Structures are given as C-alpha cells and as structure tokens.
Amino acid sequence: MQDVDGAKKQHQPNHKNMLINILAEALTSANTITGSFTLGVAGAGSAIGIGLIGARMVEAIGRNPGTLPKVLMIGILTIALAEAIAIFGLIFAFQGK
C-alpha cells in the first residue's frame, strides 16, 4: 500500500485483535488455575486489610490516646474478620476451587 504522497505504509499491528487474543487465551486458561491462586489472592487481600486496619488504629490512638481500650477492641475484632477471608481462601484452595 502507498500513502497519498507515494511513500509505502508500514504495517502496524492491530492492537484490538491482540487484546482480544490475549483475553481469549486468559479465559481458556482460567480452567487450569488451581487453589493456590485462590489462596494467594485471599492471603494478599487479607494482609492488605490487616495492614490498613493496624495503620488506622495507630493513627487513631496517636490522635487521642484516651480511646485506646475502645479502638483496641474494635481493631482486634476487625482484624479477626479480615483474617477470616484468608481462612475461607484456604478452605477453597483445599477444595480445588
């Protein structure tokens, strides 16, 4: 093919088709994902959640030290709930989902 000024056009890859091919390959390989991926995602999400909870607890106690008992109780409860997500991921990983 030639451009308007007579120069030859360079063949440029079609990014839309490349993206569709990548997504199709990812969807076909999704059946082979084992429970270890489930456990990894659940563990990473739980770790991020626990880190954020701990950071906010320290920040709240630093601003108002008198709230230590109340913030500590609520923080430990929410950390336990965040940790439950990792435990559910562990259960699903052993089931192979």
C-alpha atoms as a PDB file:
ATOM      1  CA  MET A   1       0.000   0.000   0.000  1.00  0.00           C
ATOM      2  CA  GLN A   2       1.090   3.509  -0.701  1.00  0.00           C
ATOM      3  CA  ASP A   3       0.292   6.693   1.145  1.00  0.00           C
ATOM      4  CA  VAL A   4      -1.047   9.852  -0.518  1.00  0.00           C
ATOM      5  CA  ASP A   5       2.441  11.183  -1.127  1.00  0.00           C
ATOM      6  CA  GLY A   6       3.590   7.899  -2.680  1.00  0.00           C
ATOM      7  CA  ALA A   7       5.547   6.575   0.340  1.00  0.00           C
ATOM      8  CA  LYS A   8       4.984   2.994   1.413  1.00  0.00           C
ATOM      9  CA  LYS A   9       2.991   2.495   4.610  1.00  0.00           C
ATOM     10  CA  GLN A  10       4.479   0.498   7.418  1.00  0.00           C
ATOM     11  CA  HIS A  11       2.321  -2.397   8.587  1.00  0.00           C
ATOM     12  CA  GLN A  12       1.148  -1.564  12.091  1.00  0.00           C
ATOM     13  CA  PRO A  13      -0.173  -4.317  14.356  1.00  0.00           C
ATOM     14  CA  ASN A  14      -3.855  -4.238  15.149  1.00  0.00           C
ATOM     15  CA  HIS A  15      -3.928  -3.714  18.925  1.00  0.00           C
ATOM     16  CA  LYS A  16      -7.630  -4.523  19.162  1.00  0.00           C
ATOM     17  CA  ASN A  17      -7.114  -8.025  17.765  1.00  0.00           C
ATOM     18  CA  MET A  18      -4.103  -8.554  20.011  1.00  0.00           C
ATOM     19  CA  LEU A  19      -6.144  -7.634  23.076  1.00  0.00           C
ATOM     20  CA  ILE A  20      -8.966  -9.954  22.048  1.00  0.00           C
ATOM     21  CA  ASN A  21      -6.489 -12.805  21.531  1.00  0.00           C
ATOM     22  CA  ILE A  22      -4.909 -12.212  24.945  1.00  0.00           C
ATOM     23  CA  LEU A  23      -8.306 -12.156  26.663  1.00  0.00           C
ATOM     24  CA  ALA A  24      -9.410 -15.319  24.839  1.00  0.00           C
ATOM     25  CA  GLU A  25      -6.241 -17.106  25.911  1.00  0.00           C
ATOM     26  CA  ALA A  26      -6.683 -15.955  29.509  1.00  0.00           C
ATOM     27  CA  LEU A  27     -10.261 -17.210  29.574  1.00  0.00           C
ATOM     28  CA  THR A  28      -9.337 -20.602  28.164  1.00  0.00           C
ATOM     29  CA  SER A  29      -6.505 -20.999  30.672  1.00  0.00           C
ATOM     30  CA  ALA A  30      -8.720 -19.912  33.579  1.00  0.00           C
ATOM     31  CA  ASN A  31      -9.885 -23.506  33.965  1.00  0.00           C
ATOM     32  CA  THR A  32      -6.367 -24.577  34.877  1.00  0.00           C
ATOM     33  CA  ILE A  33      -5.992 -22.150  37.792  1.00  0.00           C
ATOM     34  CA  THR A  34      -5.621 -24.172  40.955  1.00  0.00           C
ATOM     35  CA  GLY A  35      -6.469 -23.434  44.547  1.00  0.00           C
ATOM     36  CA  SER A  36      -3.054 -21.907  45.144  1.00  0.00           C
ATOM     37  CA  PHE A  37      -4.111 -18.844  43.142  1.00  0.00           C
ATOM     38  CA  THR A  38      -7.267 -18.572  45.255  1.00  0.00           C
ATOM     39  CA  LEU A  39      -5.211 -18.823  48.414  1.00  0.00           C
ATOM     40  CA  GLY A  40      -2.724 -16.237  47.158  1.00  0.00           C
ATOM     41  CA  VAL A  41      -5.409 -13.685  46.317  1.00  0.00           C
ATOM     42  CA  ALA A  42      -7.226 -14.256  49.613  1.00  0.00           C
ATOM     43  CA  GLY A  43      -3.982 -14.032  51.580  1.00  0.00           C
ATOM     44  CA  ALA A  44      -2.876 -10.858  49.813  1.00  0.00           C
ATOM     45  CA  GLY A  45      -6.265  -9.199  50.307  1.00  0.00           C
ATOM     46  CA  SER A  46      -6.333 -10.183  53.952  1.00  0.00           C
ATOM     47  CA  ALA A  47      -2.793  -8.918  54.528  1.00  0.00           C
ATOM     48  CA  ILE A  48      -3.584  -5.569  52.923  1.00  0.00           C
ATOM     49  CA  GLY A  49      -6.746  -5.271  55.009  1.00  0.00           C
ATOM     50  CA  ILE A  50      -4.968  -6.108  58.255  1.00  0.00           C
ATOM     51  CA  GLY A  51      -2.211  -3.621  57.445  1.00  0.00           C
ATOM     52  CA  LEU A  52      -4.709  -0.849  56.787  1.00  0.00           C
ATOM     53  CA  ILE A  53      -6.632  -1.633  59.961  1.00  0.00           C
ATOM     54  CA  GLY A  54      -3.445  -1.595  62.036  1.00  0.00           C
ATOM     55  CA  ALA A  55      -2.319   1.682  60.487  1.00  0.00           C
ATOM     56  CA  ARG A  56      -5.650   3.346  61.237  1.00  0.00           C
ATOM     57  CA  MET A  57      -5.609   2.009  64.799  1.00  0.00           C
ATOM     58  CA  VAL A  58      -2.181   3.523  65.448  1.00  0.00           C
ATOM     59  CA  GLU A  59      -3.301   6.781  63.856  1.00  0.00           C
ATOM     60  CA  ALA A  60      -6.469   6.941  65.988  1.00  0.00           C
ATOM     61  CA  ILE A  61      -4.622   6.173  69.211  1.00  0.00           C
ATOM     62  CA  GLY A  62      -1.922   8.701  68.322  1.00  0.00           C
ATOM     63  CA  ARG A  63      -4.536  11.417  67.916  1.00  0.00           C
ATOM     64  CA  ASN A  64      -6.445  10.546  71.068  1.00  0.00           C
ATOM     65  CA  PRO A  65      -4.619   8.214  73.495  1.00  0.00           C
ATOM     66  CA  GLY A  66      -7.652   8.010  75.773  1.00  0.00           C
ATOM     67  CA  THR A  67      -9.503   5.894  73.231  1.00  0.00           C
ATOM     68  CA  LEU A  68      -7.005   3.031  73.456  1.00  0.00           C
ATOM     69  CA  PRO A  69      -9.334   0.403  75.014  1.00  0.00           C
ATOM     70  CA  LYS A  70     -12.215   1.076  72.628  1.00  0.00           C
ATOM     71  CA  VAL A  71     -10.043   1.324  69.497  1.00  0.00           C
ATOM     72  CA  LEU A  72      -8.097  -1.788  70.501  1.00  0.00           C
ATOM     73  CA  MET A  73     -11.287  -3.828  70.951  1.00  0.00           C
ATOM     74  CA  ILE A  74     -12.775  -2.746  67.615  1.00  0.00           C
ATOM     75  CA  GLY A  75      -9.415  -3.167  65.853  1.00  0.00           C
ATOM     76  CA  ILE A  76      -8.882  -6.715  67.074  1.00  0.00           C
ATOM     77  CA  LEU A  77     -12.422  -7.626  66.021  1.00  0.00           C
ATOM     78  CA  THR A  78     -11.970  -6.227  62.522  1.00  0.00           C
ATOM     79  CA  ILE A  79      -8.558  -7.876  62.163  1.00  0.00           C
ATOM     80  CA  ALA A  80     -10.171 -11.215  63.066  1.00  0.00           C
ATOM     81  CA  LEU A  81     -12.847 -10.651  60.411  1.00  0.00           C
ATOM     82  CA  ALA A  82     -10.204  -9.771  57.810  1.00  0.00           C
ATOM     83  CA  GLU A  83      -8.254 -12.890  58.736  1.00  0.00           C
ATOM     84  CA  ALA A  84     -11.395 -14.962  58.183  1.00  0.00           C
ATOM     85  CA  ILE A  85     -11.139 -14.098  54.479  1.00  0.00           C
ATOM     86  CA  ALA A  86      -7.757 -15.824  54.314  1.00  0.00           C
ATOM     87  CA  ILE A  87      -9.186 -18.837  56.118  1.00  0.00           C
ATOM     88  CA  PHE A  88     -12.032 -19.065  53.590  1.00  0.00           C
ATOM     89  CA  GLY A  89      -9.412 -18.868  50.828  1.00  0.00           C
ATOM     90  CA  LEU A  90      -7.518 -21.721  52.469  1.00  0.00           C
ATOM     91  CA  ILE A  91     -10.685 -23.836  52.590  1.00  0.00           C
ATOM     92  CA  PHE A  92     -11.436 -23.123  48.925  1.00  0.00           C
ATOM     93  CA  ALA A  93      -7.818 -23.885  47.997  1.00  0.00           C
ATOM     94  CA  PHE A  94      -8.033 -27.336  49.557  1.00  0.00           C
ATOM     95  CA  GLN A  95     -11.286 -27.946  47.687  1.00  0.00           C
ATOM     96  CA  GLY A  96      -9.525 -27.024  44.437  1.00  0.00           C
ATOM     97  CA  LYS A  97     -11.755 -24.100  43.501  1.00  0.00           C
END
